[in-house]
Amino acid sequence: MAKKLIIDPKFKIENIVASANLGVELDLYTIAQKVRNVEYEPEQFPGAILKLKEPRASLLLFKNGKIICTGSKSEREVRAAIEQAIKLLASHAKPLPVKK
């Protein structure tokens, strides 16, 4: 009788992608001018890119207040990256327009 093959993969988390909605409108032009480590080329891509060193993460920022966080290795790092982004962006945010 053939021996049963047991597969037991070893893995480690390398990259988590998370999305969040800040519930505000972001002024991407001003953010790109005033906040360090932000790239914004609207002709190329509609979002700004914020690169954080600690925790190491990249965040895509959109005018409608939605963000995508990539590069974190844990939920704790995602939370820390989003909290740090909020501190950097808060002064450049305004309430979303009210839909009628």
PDB file of N, CA and C in Angstrom:
ATOM      1  N   MET A   1       0.848  -1.182   0.000  1.00  0.00           N
ATOM      2  CA  MET A   1       0.000   0.000   0.000  1.00  0.00           C
ATOM      3  C   MET A   1       0.892   1.244   0.000  1.00  0.00           C
ATOM      4  N   ALA A   2       0.529   2.245  -0.802  1.00  0.00           N
ATOM      5  CA  ALA A   2       1.312   3.472  -0.931  1.00  0.00           C
ATOM      6  C   ALA A   2       1.182   4.320   0.328  1.00  0.00           C
ATOM      7  N   LYS A   3       2.284   4.965   0.663  1.00  0.00           N
ATOM      8  CA  LYS A   3       2.296   5.833   1.829  1.00  0.00           C
ATOM      9  C   LYS A   3       1.517   7.112   1.513  1.00  0.00           C
ATOM     10  N   LYS A   4       0.679   7.570   2.441  1.00  0.00           N
ATOM     11  CA  LYS A   4      -0.113   8.782   2.238  1.00  0.00           C
ATOM     12  C   LYS A   4       0.787  10.012   2.374  1.00  0.00           C
ATOM     13  N   LEU A   5       0.713  10.881   1.393  1.00  0.00           N
ATOM     14  CA  LEU A   5       1.516  12.104   1.384  1.00  0.00           C
ATOM     15  C   LEU A   5       0.873  13.139   2.303  1.00  0.00           C
ATOM     16  N   ILE A   6       1.633  13.675   3.222  1.00  0.00           N
ATOM     17  CA  ILE A   6       1.136  14.711   4.121  1.00  0.00           C
ATOM     18  C   ILE A   6       1.795  16.026   3.715  1.00  0.00           C
ATOM     19  N   ILE A   7       0.978  16.996   3.397  1.00  0.00           N
ATOM     20  CA  ILE A   7       1.478  18.313   3.008  1.00  0.00           C
ATOM     21  C   ILE A   7       1.227  19.272   4.156  1.00  0.00           C
ATOM     22  N   ASP A   8       2.296  19.872   4.655  1.00  0.00           N
ATOM     23  CA  ASP A   8       2.208  20.790   5.786  1.00  0.00           C
ATOM     24  C   ASP A   8       2.991  22.057   5.434  1.00  0.00           C
ATOM     25  N   PRO A   9       2.350  22.994   4.722  1.00  0.00           N
ATOM     26  CA  PRO A   9       3.090  24.175   4.264  1.00  0.00           C
ATOM     27  C   PRO A   9       3.459  25.112   5.420  1.00  0.00           C
ATOM     28  N   LYS A  10       4.625  25.699   5.293  1.00  0.00           N
ATOM     29  CA  LYS A  10       5.059  26.738   6.220  1.00  0.00           C
ATOM     30  C   LYS A  10       4.891  28.056   5.478  1.00  0.00           C
ATOM     31  N   PHE A  11       4.285  29.033   6.128  1.00  0.00           N
ATOM     32  CA  PHE A  11       4.087  30.317   5.456  1.00  0.00           C
ATOM     33  C   PHE A  11       4.292  31.453   6.431  1.00  0.00           C
ATOM     34  N   LYS A  12       4.567  32.622   5.865  1.00  0.00           N
ATOM     35  CA  LYS A  12       4.630  33.823   6.684  1.00  0.00           C
ATOM     36  C   LYS A  12       3.972  34.950   5.890  1.00  0.00           C
ATOM     37  N   ILE A  13       3.351  35.846   6.612  1.00  0.00           N
ATOM     38  CA  ILE A  13       2.648  36.957   5.979  1.00  0.00           C
ATOM     39  C   ILE A  13       3.676  37.997   5.558  1.00  0.00           C
ATOM     40  N   GLU A  14       3.640  38.362   4.285  1.00  0.00           N
ATOM     41  CA  GLU A  14       4.579  39.331   3.728  1.00  0.00           C
ATOM     42  C   GLU A  14       3.913  40.675   3.444  1.00  0.00           C
ATOM     43  N   ASN A  15       2.639  40.650   3.107  1.00  0.00           N
ATOM     44  CA  ASN A  15       1.991  41.870   2.653  1.00  0.00           C
ATOM     45  C   ASN A  15       0.485  41.776   2.885  1.00  0.00           C
ATOM     46  N   ILE A  16      -0.034  42.718   3.632  1.00  0.00           N
ATOM     47  CA  ILE A  16      -1.475  42.806   3.845  1.00  0.00           C
ATOM     48  C   ILE A  16      -1.972  44.027   3.090  1.00  0.00           C
ATOM     49  N   VAL A  17      -3.116  43.891   2.440  1.00  0.00           N
ATOM     50  CA  VAL A  17      -3.756  45.022   1.778  1.00  0.00           C
ATOM     51  C   VAL A  17      -5.053  45.300   2.526  1.00  0.00           C
ATOM     52  N   ALA A  18      -5.221  46.546   2.949  1.00  0.00           N
ATOM     53  CA  ALA A  18      -6.418  46.924   3.705  1.00  0.00           C
ATOM     54  C   ALA A  18      -6.990  48.205   3.120  1.00  0.00           C
ATOM     55  N   SER A  19      -8.298  48.351   3.205  1.00  0.00           N
ATOM     56  CA  SER A  19      -8.933  49.589   2.747  1.00  0.00           C
ATOM     57  C   SER A  19      -9.650  50.234   3.926  1.00  0.00           C
ATOM     58  N   ALA A  20      -9.766  51.549   3.858  1.00  0.00           N
ATOM     59  CA  ALA A  20     -10.458  52.292   4.909  1.00  0.00           C
ATOM     60  C   ALA A  20     -11.143  53.493   4.273  1.00  0.00           C
ATOM     61  N   ASN A  21     -12.173  53.959   4.911  1.00  0.00           N
ATOM     62  CA  ASN A  21     -12.871  55.161   4.461  1.00  0.00           C
ATOM     63  C   ASN A  21     -12.800  56.171   5.603  1.00  0.00           C
ATOM     64  N   LEU A  22     -12.108  57.288   5.368  1.00  0.00           N
ATOM     65  CA  LEU A  22     -11.950  58.295   6.409  1.00  0.00           C
ATOM     66  C   LEU A  22     -13.206  59.145   6.587  1.00  0.00           C
ATOM     67  N   GLY A  23     -14.107  59.112   5.612  1.00  0.00           N
ATOM     68  CA  GLY A  23     -15.348  59.867   5.725  1.00  0.00           C
ATOM     69  C   GLY A  23     -15.174  61.367   5.545  1.00  0.00           C
ATOM     70  N   VAL A  24     -14.085  61.768   4.890  1.00  0.00           N
ATOM     71  CA  VAL A  24     -13.822  63.182   4.624  1.00  0.00           C
ATOM     72  C   VAL A  24     -13.333  63.321   3.179  1.00  0.00           C
ATOM     73  N   GLU A  25     -13.296  64.550   2.698  1.00  0.00           N
ATOM     74  CA  GLU A  25     -12.723  64.826   1.385  1.00  0.00           C
ATOM     75  C   GLU A  25     -11.282  65.276   1.587  1.00  0.00           C
ATOM     76  N   LEU A  26     -10.372  64.727   0.785  1.00  0.00           N
ATOM     77  CA  LEU A  26      -8.957  65.069   0.905  1.00  0.00           C
ATOM     78  C   LEU A  26      -8.534  65.976  -0.243  1.00  0.00           C
ATOM     79  N   ASP A  27      -7.804  67.016   0.078  1.00  0.00           N
ATOM     80  CA  ASP A  27      -7.250  67.929  -0.925  1.00  0.00           C
ATOM     81  C   ASP A  27      -5.882  67.382  -1.336  1.00  0.00           C
ATOM     82  N   LEU A  28      -5.874  66.554  -2.363  1.00  0.00           N
ATOM     83  CA  LEU A  28      -4.655  65.852  -2.750  1.00  0.00           C
ATOM     84  C   LEU A  28      -3.557  66.787  -3.241  1.00  0.00           C
ATOM     85  N   TYR A  29      -3.932  67.879  -3.908  1.00  0.00           N
ATOM     86  CA  TYR A  29      -2.921  68.838  -4.377  1.00  0.00           C
ATOM     87  C   TYR A  29      -2.162  69.436  -3.190  1.00  0.00           C
ATOM     88  N   THR A  30      -2.905  69.898  -2.189  1.00  0.00           N
ATOM     89  CA  THR A  30      -2.271  70.501  -1.009  1.00  0.00           C
ATOM     90  C   THR A  30      -1.476  69.459  -0.231  1.00  0.00           C
ATOM     91  N   ILE A  31      -2.025  68.282  -0.087  1.00  0.00           N
ATOM     92  CA  ILE A  31      -1.327  67.211   0.624  1.00  0.00           C
ATOM     93  C   ILE A  31       0.025  66.927  -0.034  1.00  0.00           C
ATOM     94  N   ALA A  32       0.029  66.856  -1.364  1.00  0.00           N
ATOM     95  CA  ALA A  32       1.271  66.573  -2.090  1.00  0.00           C
ATOM     96  C   ALA A  32       2.313  67.671  -1.874  1.00  0.00           C
ATOM     97  N   GLN A  33       1.853  68.922  -1.704  1.00  0.00           N
ATOM     98  CA  GLN A  33       2.775  70.035  -1.503  1.00  0.00           C
ATOM     99  C   GLN A  33       3.275  70.138  -0.063  1.00  0.00           C
ATOM    100  N   LYS A  34       2.418  69.814   0.899  1.00  0.00           N
ATOM    101  CA  LYS A  34       2.728  70.086   2.305  1.00  0.00           C
ATOM    102  C   LYS A  34       3.189  68.871   3.119  1.00  0.00           C
ATOM    103  N   VAL A  35       2.823  67.673   2.696  1.00  0.00           N
ATOM    104  CA  VAL A  35       3.140  66.479   3.483  1.00  0.00           C
ATOM    105  C   VAL A  35       4.334  65.762   2.851  1.00  0.00           C
ATOM    106  N   ARG A  36       5.317  65.451   3.666  1.00  0.00           N
ATOM    107  CA  ARG A  36       6.518  64.767   3.158  1.00  0.00           C
ATOM    108  C   ARG A  36       6.167  63.359   2.687  1.00  0.00           C
ATOM    109  N   ASN A  37       6.939  62.887   1.728  1.00  0.00           N
ATOM    110  CA  ASN A  37       6.824  61.521   1.202  1.00  0.00           C
ATOM    111  C   ASN A  37       5.486  61.229   0.535  1.00  0.00           C
ATOM    112  N   VAL A  38       4.908  62.258  -0.104  1.00  0.00           N
ATOM    113  CA  VAL A  38       3.670  62.067  -0.867  1.00  0.00           C
ATOM    114  C   VAL A  38       3.954  62.384  -2.327  1.00  0.00           C
ATOM    115  N   GLU A  39       3.554  61.469  -3.202  1.00  0.00           N
ATOM    116  CA  GLU A  39       3.659  61.674  -4.648  1.00  0.00           C
ATOM    117  C   GLU A  39       2.248  61.785  -5.206  1.00  0.00           C
ATOM    118  N   TYR A  40       2.037  62.756  -6.085  1.00  0.00           N
ATOM    119  CA  TYR A  40       0.715  62.914  -6.697  1.00  0.00           C
ATOM    120  C   TYR A  40       0.892  63.389  -8.129  1.00  0.00           C
ATOM    121  N   GLU A  41       0.533  62.538  -9.059  1.00  0.00           N
ATOM    122  CA  GLU A  41       0.557  62.871 -10.477  1.00  0.00           C
ATOM    123  C   GLU A  41      -0.802  62.499 -11.060  1.00  0.00           C
ATOM    124  N   PRO A  42      -1.776  63.423 -10.984  1.00  0.00           N
ATOM    125  CA  PRO A  42      -3.146  63.088 -11.388  1.00  0.00           C
ATOM    126  C   PRO A  42      -3.274  62.671 -12.855  1.00  0.00           C
ATOM    127  N   GLU A  43      -2.316  63.069 -13.705  1.00  0.00           N
ATOM    128  CA  GLU A  43      -2.373  62.650 -15.103  1.00  0.00           C
ATOM    129  C   GLU A  43      -2.091  61.148 -15.230  1.00  0.00           C
ATOM    130  N   GLN A  44      -1.320  60.627 -14.279  1.00  0.00           N
ATOM    131  CA  GLN A  44      -0.924  59.216 -14.297  1.00  0.00           C
ATOM    132  C   GLN A  44      -1.893  58.331 -13.506  1.00  0.00           C
ATOM    133  N   PHE A  45      -2.356  58.849 -12.340  1.00  0.00           N
ATOM    134  CA  PHE A  45      -3.158  58.042 -11.417  1.00  0.00           C
ATOM    135  C   PHE A  45      -3.981  58.991 -10.550  1.00  0.00           C
ATOM    136  N   PRO A  46      -5.252  58.680 -10.293  1.00  0.00           N
ATOM    137  CA  PRO A  46      -6.126  59.621  -9.565  1.00  0.00           C
ATOM    138  C   PRO A  46      -5.876  59.723  -8.059  1.00  0.00           C
ATOM    139  N   GLY A  47      -4.960  58.927  -7.531  1.00  0.00           N
ATOM    140  CA  GLY A  47      -4.683  58.975  -6.096  1.00  0.00           C
ATOM    141  C   GLY A  47      -3.277  59.440  -5.808  1.00  0.00           C
ATOM    142  N   ALA A  48      -3.082  59.923  -4.589  1.00  0.00           N
ATOM    143  CA  ALA A  48      -1.748  60.285  -4.116  1.00  0.00           C
ATOM    144  C   ALA A  48      -1.169  59.079  -3.385  1.00  0.00           C
ATOM    145  N   ILE A  49       0.144  58.983  -3.369  1.00  0.00           N
ATOM    146  CA  ILE A  49       0.820  57.870  -2.710  1.00  0.00           C
ATOM    147  C   ILE A  49       1.618  58.418  -1.530  1.00  0.00           C
ATOM    148  N   LEU A  50       1.283  57.934  -0.337  1.00  0.00           N
ATOM    149  CA  LEU A  50       1.989  58.308   0.888  1.00  0.00           C
ATOM    150  C   LEU A  50       2.826  57.121   1.310  1.00  0.00           C
ATOM    151  N   LYS A  51       4.134  57.323   1.428  1.00  0.00           N
ATOM    152  CA  LYS A  51       5.025  56.241   1.852  1.00  0.00           C
ATOM    153  C   LYS A  51       5.499  56.517   3.278  1.00  0.00           C
ATOM    154  N   LEU A  52       5.170  55.594   4.160  1.00  0.00           N
ATOM    155  CA  LEU A  52       5.580  55.695   5.555  1.00  0.00           C
ATOM    156  C   LEU A  52       6.794  54.807   5.799  1.00  0.00           C
ATOM    157  N   LYS A  53       7.678  55.283   6.668  1.00  0.00           N
ATOM    158  CA  LYS A  53       8.862  54.483   7.017  1.00  0.00           C
ATOM    159  C   LYS A  53       8.608  53.620   8.245  1.00  0.00           C
ATOM    160  N   GLU A  54       7.821  54.144   9.207  1.00  0.00           N
ATOM    161  CA  GLU A  54       7.550  53.396  10.439  1.00  0.00           C
ATOM    162  C   GLU A  54       6.115  53.610  10.869  1.00  0.00           C
ATOM    163  N   PRO A  55       5.248  52.653  10.774  1.00  0.00           N
ATOM    164  CA  PRO A  55       5.508  51.327  10.219  1.00  0.00           C
ATOM    165  C   PRO A  55       5.695  51.425   8.703  1.00  0.00           C
ATOM    166  N   ARG A  56       6.415  50.499   8.152  1.00  0.00           N
ATOM    167  CA  ARG A  56       6.679  50.514   6.713  1.00  0.00           C
ATOM    168  C   ARG A  56       5.394  50.161   5.971  1.00  0.00           C
ATOM    169  N   ALA A  57       4.887  51.129   5.214  1.00  0.00           N
ATOM    170  CA  ALA A  57       3.641  50.919   4.468  1.00  0.00           C
ATOM    171  C   ALA A  57       3.508  51.999   3.408  1.00  0.00           C
ATOM    172  N   SER A  58       2.748  51.684   2.380  1.00  0.00           N
ATOM    173  CA  SER A  58       2.373  52.668   1.368  1.00  0.00           C
ATOM    174  C   SER A  58       0.865  52.796   1.398  1.00  0.00           C
ATOM    175  N   LEU A  59       0.392  54.044   1.315  1.00  0.00           N
ATOM    176  CA  LEU A  59      -1.049  54.272   1.323  1.00  0.00           C
ATOM    177  C   LEU A  59      -1.450  55.037   0.077  1.00  0.00           C
ATOM    178  N   LEU A  60      -2.460  54.540  -0.605  1.00  0.00           N
ATOM    179  CA  LEU A  60      -3.050  55.256  -1.724  1.00  0.00           C
ATOM    180  C   LEU A  60      -4.161  56.112  -1.153  1.00  0.00           C
ATOM    181  N   LEU A  61      -4.105  57.406  -1.426  1.00  0.00           N
ATOM    182  CA  LEU A  61      -5.079  58.359  -0.887  1.00  0.00           C
ATOM    183  C   LEU A  61      -5.957  58.859  -2.030  1.00  0.00           C
ATOM    184  N   PHE A  62      -7.246  58.864  -1.824  1.00  0.00           N
ATOM    185  CA  PHE A  62      -8.169  59.342  -2.851  1.00  0.00           C
ATOM    186  C   PHE A  62      -8.966  60.533  -2.324  1.00  0.00           C
ATOM    187  N   LYS A  63      -9.385  61.391  -3.242  1.00  0.00           N
ATOM    188  CA  LYS A  63     -10.099  62.620  -2.898  1.00  0.00           C
ATOM    189  C   LYS A  63     -11.331  62.340  -2.036  1.00  0.00           C
ATOM    190  N   ASN A  64     -12.015  61.222  -2.287  1.00  0.00           N
ATOM    191  CA  ASN A  64     -13.251  60.899  -1.565  1.00  0.00           C
ATOM    192  C   ASN A  64     -13.003  60.360  -0.157  1.00  0.00           C
ATOM    193  N   GLY A  65     -11.744  60.377   0.301  1.00  0.00           N
ATOM    194  CA  GLY A  65     -11.430  59.953   1.661  1.00  0.00           C
ATOM    195  C   GLY A  65     -11.145  58.474   1.809  1.00  0.00           C
ATOM    196  N   LYS A  66     -11.188  57.739   0.721  1.00  0.00           N
ATOM    197  CA  LYS A  66     -10.873  56.315   0.802  1.00  0.00           C
ATOM    198  C   LYS A  66      -9.360  56.140   0.679  1.00  0.00           C
ATOM    199  N   ILE A  67      -8.853  55.158   1.422  1.00  0.00           N
ATOM    200  CA  ILE A  67      -7.427  54.867   1.355  1.00  0.00           C
ATOM    201  C   ILE A  67      -7.211  53.361   1.251  1.00  0.00           C
ATOM    202  N   ILE A  68      -6.124  53.006   0.603  1.00  0.00           N
ATOM    203  CA  ILE A  68      -5.694  51.615   0.504  1.00  0.00           C
ATOM    204  C   ILE A  68      -4.311  51.562   1.136  1.00  0.00           C
ATOM    205  N   CYS A  69      -4.150  50.672   2.091  1.00  0.00           N
ATOM    206  CA  CYS A  69      -2.870  50.515   2.787  1.00  0.00           C
ATOM    207  C   CYS A  69      -2.250  49.192   2.348  1.00  0.00           C
ATOM    208  N   THR A  70      -1.006  49.246   1.852  1.00  0.00           N
ATOM    209  CA  THR A  70      -0.312  48.033   1.428  1.00  0.00           C
ATOM    210  C   THR A  70       1.063  47.967   2.088  1.00  0.00           C
ATOM    211  N   GLY A  71       1.588  46.762   2.143  1.00  0.00           N
ATOM    212  CA  GLY A  71       2.948  46.575   2.621  1.00  0.00           C
ATOM    213  C   GLY A  71       3.085  46.231   4.089  1.00  0.00           C
ATOM    214  N   SER A  72       2.006  46.320   4.847  1.00  0.00           N
ATOM    215  CA  SER A  72       2.078  45.972   6.270  1.00  0.00           C
ATOM    216  C   SER A  72       2.113  44.454   6.422  1.00  0.00           C
ATOM    217  N   LYS A  73       2.627  44.019   7.569  1.00  0.00           N
ATOM    218  CA  LYS A  73       2.732  42.579   7.802  1.00  0.00           C
ATOM    219  C   LYS A  73       1.802  42.075   8.897  1.00  0.00           C
ATOM    220  N   SER A  74       1.025  42.992   9.500  1.00  0.00           N
ATOM    221  CA  SER A  74       0.087  42.576  10.546  1.00  0.00           C
ATOM    222  C   SER A  74      -1.052  43.586  10.631  1.00  0.00           C
ATOM    223  N   GLU A  75      -2.128  43.166  11.259  1.00  0.00           N
ATOM    224  CA  GLU A  75      -3.259  44.067  11.463  1.00  0.00           C
ATOM    225  C   GLU A  75      -2.843  45.257  12.331  1.00  0.00           C
ATOM    226  N   ARG A  76      -1.970  45.018  13.299  1.00  0.00           N
ATOM    227  CA  ARG A  76      -1.479  46.083  14.165  1.00  0.00           C
ATOM    228  C   ARG A  76      -0.715  47.133  13.349  1.00  0.00           C
ATOM    229  N   GLU A  77       0.101  46.688  12.404  1.00  0.00           N
ATOM    230  CA  GLU A  77       0.837  47.626  11.551  1.00  0.00           C
ATOM    231  C   GLU A  77      -0.111  48.424  10.658  1.00  0.00           C
ATOM    232  N   VAL A  78      -1.153  47.768  10.147  1.00  0.00           N
ATOM    233  CA  VAL A  78      -2.146  48.477   9.320  1.00  0.00           C
ATOM    234  C   VAL A  78      -2.791  49.587  10.144  1.00  0.00           C
ATOM    235  N   ARG A  79      -3.223  49.247  11.350  1.00  0.00           N
ATOM    236  CA  ARG A  79      -3.872  50.231  12.228  1.00  0.00           C
ATOM    237  C   ARG A  79      -2.926  51.398  12.520  1.00  0.00           C
ATOM    238  N   ALA A  80      -1.667  51.097  12.815  1.00  0.00           N
ATOM    239  CA  ALA A  80      -0.691  52.146  13.113  1.00  0.00           C
ATOM    240  C   ALA A  80      -0.450  53.030  11.888  1.00  0.00           C
ATOM    241  N   ALA A  81      -0.385  52.429  10.704  1.00  0.00           N
ATOM    242  CA  ALA A  81      -0.165  53.202   9.471  1.00  0.00           C
ATOM    243  C   ALA A  81      -1.339  54.132   9.204  1.00  0.00           C
ATOM    244  N   ILE A  82      -2.557  53.644   9.370  1.00  0.00           N
ATOM    245  CA  ILE A  82      -3.743  54.472   9.123  1.00  0.00           C
ATOM    246  C   ILE A  82      -3.829  55.590  10.160  1.00  0.00           C
ATOM    247  N   GLU A  83      -3.523  55.291  11.420  1.00  0.00           N
ATOM    248  CA  GLU A  83      -3.531  56.326  12.459  1.00  0.00           C
ATOM    249  C   GLU A  83      -2.490  57.406  12.167  1.00  0.00           C
ATOM    250  N   GLN A  84      -1.320  57.006  11.705  1.00  0.00           N
ATOM    251  CA  GLN A  84      -0.281  57.972  11.372  1.00  0.00           C
ATOM    252  C   GLN A  84      -0.718  58.822  10.170  1.00  0.00           C
ATOM    253  N   ALA A  85      -1.341  58.184   9.182  1.00  0.00           N
ATOM    254  CA  ALA A  85      -1.831  58.920   8.011  1.00  0.00           C
ATOM    255  C   ALA A  85      -2.880  59.954   8.429  1.00  0.00           C
ATOM    256  N   ILE A  86      -3.772  59.583   9.328  1.00  0.00           N
ATOM    257  CA  ILE A  86      -4.802  60.517   9.792  1.00  0.00           C
ATOM    258  C   ILE A  86      -4.159  61.752  10.419  1.00  0.00           C
ATOM    259  N   LYS A  87      -3.123  61.554  11.233  1.00  0.00           N
ATOM    260  CA  LYS A  87      -2.435  62.695  11.849  1.00  0.00           C
ATOM    261  C   LYS A  87      -1.836  63.612  10.790  1.00  0.00           C
ATOM    262  N   LEU A  88      -1.260  63.015   9.747  1.00  0.00           N
ATOM    263  CA  LEU A  88      -0.638  63.812   8.684  1.00  0.00           C
ATOM    264  C   LEU A  88      -1.667  64.522   7.801  1.00  0.00           C
ATOM    265  N   LEU A  89      -2.843  63.912   7.638  1.00  0.00           N
ATOM    266  CA  LEU A  89      -3.823  64.406   6.674  1.00  0.00           C
ATOM    267  C   LEU A  89      -4.941  65.255   7.270  1.00  0.00           C
ATOM    268  N   ALA A  90      -5.142  65.175   8.555  1.00  0.00           N
ATOM    269  CA  ALA A  90      -6.308  65.809   9.191  1.00  0.00           C
ATOM    270  C   ALA A  90      -6.453  67.288   8.845  1.00  0.00           C
ATOM    271  N   SER A  91      -5.362  68.019   8.803  1.00  0.00           N
ATOM    272  CA  SER A  91      -5.468  69.459   8.531  1.00  0.00           C
ATOM    273  C   SER A  91      -5.766  69.751   7.070  1.00  0.00           C
ATOM    274  N   HIS A  92      -5.747  68.742   6.211  1.00  0.00           N
ATOM    275  CA  HIS A  92      -6.017  68.921   4.793  1.00  0.00           C
ATOM    276  C   HIS A  92      -7.330  68.244   4.384  1.00  0.00           C
ATOM    277  N   ALA A  93      -8.169  67.960   5.363  1.00  0.00           N
ATOM    278  CA  ALA A  93      -9.437  67.268   5.107  1.00  0.00           C
ATOM    279  C   ALA A  93     -10.590  68.223   5.363  1.00  0.00           C
ATOM    280  N   LYS A  94     -11.694  67.963   4.683  1.00  0.00           N
ATOM    281  CA  LYS A  94     -12.921  68.726   4.941  1.00  0.00           C
ATOM    282  C   LYS A  94     -14.110  67.780   4.812  1.00  0.00           C
ATOM    283  N   PRO A  95     -15.238  68.179   5.375  1.00  0.00           N
ATOM    284  CA  PRO A  95     -16.403  67.281   5.297  1.00  0.00           C
ATOM    285  C   PRO A  95     -16.764  66.976   3.851  1.00  0.00           C
ATOM    286  N   LEU A  96     -17.229  65.756   3.618  1.00  0.00           N
ATOM    287  CA  LEU A  96     -17.694  65.393   2.281  1.00  0.00           C
ATOM    288  C   LEU A  96     -18.911  66.234   1.916  1.00  0.00           C
ATOM    289  N   PRO A  97     -19.078  66.592   0.640  1.00  0.00           N
ATOM    290  CA  PRO A  97     -20.282  67.322   0.236  1.00  0.00           C
ATOM    291  C   PRO A  97     -21.530  66.495   0.514  1.00  0.00           C
ATOM    292  N   VAL A  98     -22.577  67.171   0.949  1.00  0.00           N
ATOM    293  CA  VAL A  98     -23.838  66.495   1.245  1.00  0.00           C
ATOM    294  C   VAL A  98     -24.563  66.226  -0.074  1.00  0.00           C
ATOM    295  N   LYS A  99     -24.967  64.958  -0.278  1.00  0.00           N
ATOM    296  CA  LYS A  99     -25.702  64.595  -1.490  1.00  0.00           C
ATOM    297  C   LYS A  99     -27.161  64.943  -1.305  1.00  0.00           C
ATOM    298  N   LYS A 100     -27.752  65.555  -2.331  1.00  0.00           N
ATOM    299  CA  LYS A 100     -29.165  65.933  -2.236  1.00  0.00           C
ATOM    300  C   LYS A 100     -30.035  64.958  -2.983  1.00  0.00           C
TER     301      LYS A 100
END
